[in-house]
Amino acid sequence: MESVYLIRHAKATGQKPEDGLTDEGLRQAEELAERLAAHHIEYIVSSPWKRALQTAAPLGRVALQHIHTDERLQERVLSTLHLDNWLDVLERTYTDEDWTEEGGESTRFATARGLEVLGELWNRSERSSAVITHGNMLSLLLRSYDASFGFEDWKNLTNPDVYVMKKQPGDDTSYSIRRIWPD
């Protein structure tokens, strides 16, 4: 694998696994597929959550690729409780990677499951792949390759959003990261 396109799903109706895309989000997913067509994506893997799959579907059609699902790409659960202060909780998880609220996942745990997927992708024979996931998971993956990516960067993500990671020629441990959406 030479390139991995890390994609946050398009605009959604909510945060539950079964929540899909809004009408605007469906249009965004189509536009995203059209813009990524020139990148010759050869493998697509998505969170199994509805909004991620709906974002991936047009890309799959344009790229003539099957969409593989992987539960490790689903959004991180901050807590099983309703949190009025969820934004404060999320911010804390960027400074304390092992901290959790009741029933939630730590940053360290959620990042590890996402990195397992990326590790498998980098070893595939295809040249490029697309990973469709969620905002917090996307930010954790980016942070694992660029430690400066933090809470404020998460707040600046858009729906959808796309970053491309490329292996540096001749070095299997060095990667470049570039945001290509929106532009």
Foldseek 3Di string as FASTA:
>chain_A
DFKEKEKEFADWPDQDLATAHDPVSLVVLLVVLVVCLVVLADAEEEANRHRLVSSCVNNCVSNVHDYHYDNLQEDWFQEPDDDPVVLVSQQVLLVPQCDGDHPTDGLVVSLVSLVVVVVVVLPDPDNYYYYYHHLVSSQSPVCVQPVVRHSVNSVVQHRIWIKMWGDDPPDSPHIDIDTPPPD
